[in-house]
Amino acid sequence: MKLYIILLTTMLLMISCDEGNKNTVEKYSDTVVDKYKGTQQFGKQVDIQRLQEAITMFKSAEGRYPKDIAEITESTGIELDSNLYTYDPETGVLATKQ
C-alpha cells in the first residue's frame, strides 16, 4: 500500500511538471536565484559595515585612518581585494566598486 502511494505521488508530480507548468517552475527558480543574490549583496553590506567600524577603531587607536587597503587588511586580518573595493584614506570610507 505504501509503495502504491509513493508511486502515485511520483506520477502526479511528474505530470504536474509537464510543459504547461514549466513556466511556474521557472518563475520559482528565478525567485530563488534573486533571493540568493539579494542575500549575497546584504552580506557584502554587512561586511563593509564591520570593516568601516574597524577603520574607525583604527583611527581611535592610531590617531589616523589606515593609509591604504593593505593596512586595513593588516589591522583586521581580513583579506581585501583592491579590485573590488575603493578606499579614501582622507575620510576613512571603504566602499565596493560598482
N, C-alpha and C. Protein backbone atom coordinates (compact mmCIF):
# COMPACT_ATOMS: atom_id res chain seq x y z
N MET A 1 0.83 -1.19 0.00
CA MET A 1 0.00 0.00 0.00
C MET A 1 0.87 1.25 0.00
N LYS A 2 1.93 1.27 0.86
CA LYS A 2 2.81 2.43 0.92
C LYS A 2 3.52 2.65 -0.41
N LEU A 3 3.93 1.55 -1.04
CA LEU A 3 4.60 1.65 -2.33
C LEU A 3 3.66 2.22 -3.37
N TYR A 4 2.40 1.84 -3.32
CA TYR A 4 1.40 2.35 -4.25
C TYR A 4 1.24 3.87 -4.08
N ILE A 5 1.20 4.35 -2.86
CA ILE A 5 1.05 5.78 -2.58
C ILE A 5 2.29 6.54 -3.09
N ILE A 6 3.47 5.98 -2.87
CA ILE A 6 4.70 6.63 -3.33
C ILE A 6 4.71 6.71 -4.86
N LEU A 7 4.34 5.61 -5.52
CA LEU A 7 4.31 5.60 -6.98
C LEU A 7 3.28 6.60 -7.51
N LEU A 8 2.11 6.64 -6.91
CA LEU A 8 1.07 7.56 -7.34
C LEU A 8 1.51 9.01 -7.15
N THR A 9 2.13 9.31 -6.03
CA THR A 9 2.63 10.66 -5.77
C THR A 9 3.69 11.06 -6.78
N THR A 10 4.61 10.13 -7.07
CA THR A 10 5.65 10.39 -8.04
C THR A 10 5.06 10.66 -9.42
N MET A 11 4.08 9.87 -9.82
CA MET A 11 3.44 10.06 -11.13
C MET A 11 2.74 11.42 -11.18
N LEU A 12 2.04 11.78 -10.13
CA LEU A 12 1.36 13.08 -10.10
C LEU A 12 2.36 14.24 -10.18
N LEU A 13 3.47 14.09 -9.51
CA LEU A 13 4.50 15.12 -9.57
C LEU A 13 5.07 15.24 -10.98
N MET A 14 5.28 14.09 -11.62
CA MET A 14 5.81 14.10 -12.99
C MET A 14 4.82 14.75 -13.95
N ILE A 15 3.55 14.45 -13.77
CA ILE A 15 2.53 15.04 -14.63
C ILE A 15 2.43 16.54 -14.40
N SER A 16 2.54 16.96 -13.16
CA SER A 16 2.41 18.39 -12.85
C SER A 16 3.59 19.20 -13.37
N CYS A 17 4.70 18.54 -13.71
CA CYS A 17 5.88 19.24 -14.23
C CYS A 17 5.95 19.18 -15.75
N ASP A 18 4.82 19.01 -16.42
CA ASP A 18 4.83 18.97 -17.88
C ASP A 18 5.07 20.36 -18.44
N GLU A 19 5.04 20.49 -19.77
CA GLU A 19 5.34 21.76 -20.44
C GLU A 19 4.45 22.90 -19.95
N GLY A 20 3.20 22.65 -19.67
CA GLY A 20 2.30 23.71 -19.24
C GLY A 20 2.67 24.31 -17.90
N ASN A 21 3.33 23.54 -17.05
CA ASN A 21 3.68 24.02 -15.72
C ASN A 21 5.14 24.45 -15.61
N LYS A 22 5.92 24.31 -16.68
CA LYS A 22 7.32 24.71 -16.62
C LYS A 22 7.46 26.19 -16.29
N ASN A 23 6.54 26.98 -16.77
CA ASN A 23 6.60 28.41 -16.51
C ASN A 23 6.57 28.67 -15.00
N THR A 24 5.74 27.97 -14.28
CA THR A 24 5.65 28.13 -12.83
C THR A 24 6.95 27.71 -12.17
N VAL A 25 7.51 26.60 -12.61
CA VAL A 25 8.77 26.11 -12.05
C VAL A 25 9.89 27.11 -12.35
N GLU A 26 9.94 27.63 -13.56
CA GLU A 26 10.96 28.61 -13.92
C GLU A 26 10.82 29.89 -13.10
N LYS A 27 9.58 30.33 -12.88
CA LYS A 27 9.36 31.52 -12.07
C LYS A 27 9.86 31.31 -10.64
N TYR A 28 9.57 30.14 -10.09
CA TYR A 28 10.03 29.82 -8.74
C TYR A 28 11.55 29.81 -8.69
N SER A 29 12.15 29.19 -9.71
CA SER A 29 13.61 29.13 -9.79
C SER A 29 14.20 30.53 -9.86
N ASP A 30 13.63 31.40 -10.67
CA ASP A 30 14.10 32.78 -10.78
C ASP A 30 13.99 33.50 -9.45
N THR A 31 12.90 33.27 -8.73
CA THR A 31 12.70 33.90 -7.43
C THR A 31 13.77 33.44 -6.44
N VAL A 32 14.06 32.16 -6.43
CA VAL A 32 15.08 31.63 -5.52
C VAL A 32 16.44 32.24 -5.84
N VAL A 33 16.77 32.31 -7.13
CA VAL A 33 18.05 32.89 -7.54
C VAL A 33 18.13 34.36 -7.14
N ASP A 34 17.05 35.12 -7.36
CA ASP A 34 17.02 36.53 -6.98
C ASP A 34 17.22 36.71 -5.48
N LYS A 35 16.57 35.88 -4.68
CA LYS A 35 16.70 35.97 -3.22
C LYS A 35 18.14 35.66 -2.80
N TYR A 36 18.75 34.67 -3.45
CA TYR A 36 20.13 34.31 -3.15
C TYR A 36 21.06 35.48 -3.44
N LYS A 37 20.88 36.11 -4.61
CA LYS A 37 21.72 37.26 -4.97
C LYS A 37 21.51 38.41 -4.00
N GLY A 38 20.27 38.63 -3.59
CA GLY A 38 19.98 39.68 -2.61
C GLY A 38 20.66 39.41 -1.28
N THR A 39 20.68 38.16 -0.88
CA THR A 39 21.34 37.77 0.36
C THR A 39 22.84 38.00 0.27
N GLN A 40 23.42 37.69 -0.89
CA GLN A 40 24.85 37.94 -1.08
C GLN A 40 25.16 39.43 -0.97
N GLN A 41 24.33 40.26 -1.59
CA GLN A 41 24.54 41.71 -1.53
C GLN A 41 24.42 42.22 -0.10
N PHE A 42 23.44 41.69 0.64
CA PHE A 42 23.28 42.07 2.04
C PHE A 42 24.53 41.69 2.83
N GLY A 43 25.08 40.51 2.54
CA GLY A 43 26.31 40.07 3.23
C GLY A 43 27.46 41.01 2.96
N LYS A 44 27.57 41.49 1.73
CA LYS A 44 28.63 42.44 1.39
C LYS A 44 28.45 43.74 2.16
N GLN A 45 27.20 44.19 2.28
CA GLN A 45 26.93 45.43 3.01
C GLN A 45 27.29 45.27 4.48
N VAL A 46 26.98 44.12 5.06
CA VAL A 46 27.31 43.87 6.46
C VAL A 46 28.82 43.84 6.63
N ASP A 47 29.54 43.19 5.69
CA ASP A 47 30.99 43.15 5.76
C ASP A 47 31.58 44.56 5.69
N ILE A 48 31.07 45.38 4.79
CA ILE A 48 31.55 46.76 4.67
C ILE A 48 31.31 47.50 5.99
N GLN A 49 30.15 47.29 6.57
CA GLN A 49 29.83 47.96 7.83
C GLN A 49 30.81 47.53 8.94
N ARG A 50 31.10 46.24 9.01
CA ARG A 50 32.05 45.75 10.02
C ARG A 50 33.44 46.31 9.77
N LEU A 51 33.85 46.35 8.51
CA LEU A 51 35.17 46.89 8.19
C LEU A 51 35.23 48.39 8.48
N GLN A 52 34.12 49.08 8.21
CA GLN A 52 34.08 50.51 8.49
C GLN A 52 34.24 50.77 9.99
N GLU A 53 33.64 49.92 10.81
CA GLU A 53 33.80 50.03 12.26
C GLU A 53 35.26 49.77 12.66
N ALA A 54 35.90 48.80 12.00
CA ALA A 54 37.30 48.50 12.28
C ALA A 54 38.19 49.68 11.89
N ILE A 55 37.85 50.35 10.79
CA ILE A 55 38.61 51.52 10.36
C ILE A 55 38.48 52.64 11.39
N THR A 56 37.28 52.82 11.91
CA THR A 56 37.04 53.84 12.94
C THR A 56 37.83 53.52 14.21
N MET A 57 37.86 52.26 14.59
CA MET A 57 38.63 51.84 15.76
C MET A 57 40.13 52.06 15.53
N PHE A 58 40.58 51.79 14.32
CA PHE A 58 41.98 52.02 13.96
C PHE A 58 42.31 53.51 14.17
N LYS A 59 41.43 54.38 13.72
CA LYS A 59 41.67 55.82 13.87
C LYS A 59 41.72 56.21 15.34
N SER A 60 40.85 55.63 16.14
CA SER A 60 40.85 55.93 17.57
C SER A 60 42.17 55.52 18.21
N ALA A 61 42.70 54.39 17.79
CA ALA A 61 43.93 53.87 18.38
C ALA A 61 45.18 54.56 17.84
N GLU A 62 45.18 54.86 16.53
CA GLU A 62 46.39 55.38 15.88
C GLU A 62 46.36 56.89 15.65
N GLY A 63 45.18 57.49 15.77
CA GLY A 63 45.07 58.93 15.53
C GLY A 63 44.99 59.28 14.06
N ARG A 64 44.83 58.29 13.22
CA ARG A 64 44.72 58.49 11.77
C ARG A 64 44.00 57.30 11.15
N TYR A 65 43.51 57.50 9.94
CA TYR A 65 42.91 56.38 9.21
C TYR A 65 44.02 55.54 8.59
N PRO A 66 43.72 54.26 8.31
CA PRO A 66 44.71 53.44 7.59
C PRO A 66 45.08 54.12 6.27
N LYS A 67 46.34 53.97 5.87
CA LYS A 67 46.80 54.67 4.67
C LYS A 67 46.32 54.03 3.37
N ASP A 68 45.98 52.72 3.41
CA ASP A 68 45.51 52.05 2.20
C ASP A 68 44.82 50.73 2.56
N ILE A 69 44.34 50.05 1.54
CA ILE A 69 43.63 48.78 1.76
C ILE A 69 44.55 47.73 2.38
N ALA A 70 45.81 47.76 2.03
CA ALA A 70 46.77 46.81 2.60
C ALA A 70 46.87 46.98 4.12
N GLU A 71 46.85 48.21 4.58
CA GLU A 71 46.93 48.45 6.03
C GLU A 71 45.63 48.04 6.73
N ILE A 72 44.51 48.18 6.04
CA ILE A 72 43.24 47.69 6.60
C ILE A 72 43.32 46.17 6.76
N THR A 73 43.81 45.50 5.73
CA THR A 73 43.97 44.04 5.77
C THR A 73 44.89 43.64 6.92
N GLU A 74 45.97 44.36 7.05
CA GLU A 74 46.95 44.06 8.11
C GLU A 74 46.34 44.22 9.50
N SER A 75 45.55 45.27 9.69
CA SER A 75 44.99 45.52 11.03
C SER A 75 43.79 44.66 11.36
N THR A 76 43.01 44.25 10.34
CA THR A 76 41.81 43.45 10.60
C THR A 76 42.02 41.96 10.41
N GLY A 77 43.03 41.60 9.60
CA GLY A 77 43.24 40.19 9.27
C GLY A 77 42.28 39.70 8.20
N ILE A 78 41.50 40.61 7.62
CA ILE A 78 40.55 40.25 6.56
C ILE A 78 41.15 40.66 5.22
N GLU A 79 41.34 39.68 4.36
CA GLU A 79 41.94 39.94 3.05
C GLU A 79 40.95 40.68 2.16
N LEU A 80 41.36 41.85 1.69
CA LEU A 80 40.52 42.66 0.81
C LEU A 80 41.16 42.74 -0.58
N ASP A 81 40.37 42.53 -1.59
CA ASP A 81 40.83 42.64 -2.96
C ASP A 81 40.67 44.08 -3.41
N SER A 82 41.76 44.76 -3.69
CA SER A 82 41.70 46.17 -4.08
C SER A 82 40.98 46.37 -5.41
N ASN A 83 40.77 45.30 -6.15
CA ASN A 83 40.00 45.40 -7.40
C ASN A 83 38.50 45.47 -7.11
N LEU A 84 38.09 45.10 -5.91
CA LEU A 84 36.67 45.08 -5.56
C LEU A 84 36.26 46.25 -4.68
N TYR A 85 37.23 46.91 -4.04
CA TYR A 85 36.91 47.96 -3.07
C TYR A 85 37.65 49.26 -3.42
N THR A 86 37.04 50.36 -3.02
CA THR A 86 37.72 51.64 -3.07
C THR A 86 37.87 52.11 -1.63
N TYR A 87 38.93 52.84 -1.37
CA TYR A 87 39.17 53.34 -0.02
C TYR A 87 39.75 54.74 -0.11
N ASP A 88 39.20 55.64 0.70
CA ASP A 88 39.68 57.01 0.77
C ASP A 88 40.35 57.21 2.13
N PRO A 89 41.68 57.28 2.17
CA PRO A 89 42.38 57.43 3.45
C PRO A 89 42.15 58.79 4.12
N GLU A 90 41.67 59.76 3.36
CA GLU A 90 41.38 61.08 3.94
C GLU A 90 40.14 61.03 4.85
N THR A 91 39.13 60.26 4.38
CA THR A 91 37.87 60.19 5.13
C THR A 91 37.66 58.85 5.86
N GLY A 92 38.47 57.84 5.47
CA GLY A 92 38.31 56.51 6.07
C GLY A 92 37.13 55.75 5.52
N VAL A 93 36.63 56.12 4.35
CA VAL A 93 35.45 55.47 3.78
C VAL A 93 35.88 54.34 2.84
N LEU A 94 35.36 53.15 3.11
CA LEU A 94 35.56 51.97 2.30
C LEU A 94 34.27 51.65 1.58
N ALA A 95 34.33 51.37 0.28
CA ALA A 95 33.12 51.06 -0.48
C ALA A 95 33.43 50.00 -1.53
N THR A 96 32.39 49.32 -1.97
CA THR A 96 32.56 48.37 -3.06
C THR A 96 32.54 49.12 -4.38
N LYS A 97 33.35 48.65 -5.31
CA LYS A 97 33.35 49.26 -6.65
C LYS A 97 32.09 48.84 -7.36
N GLN A 98 31.53 49.72 -8.12
CA GLN A 98 30.29 49.42 -8.86
C GLN A 98 30.55 48.73 -10.16
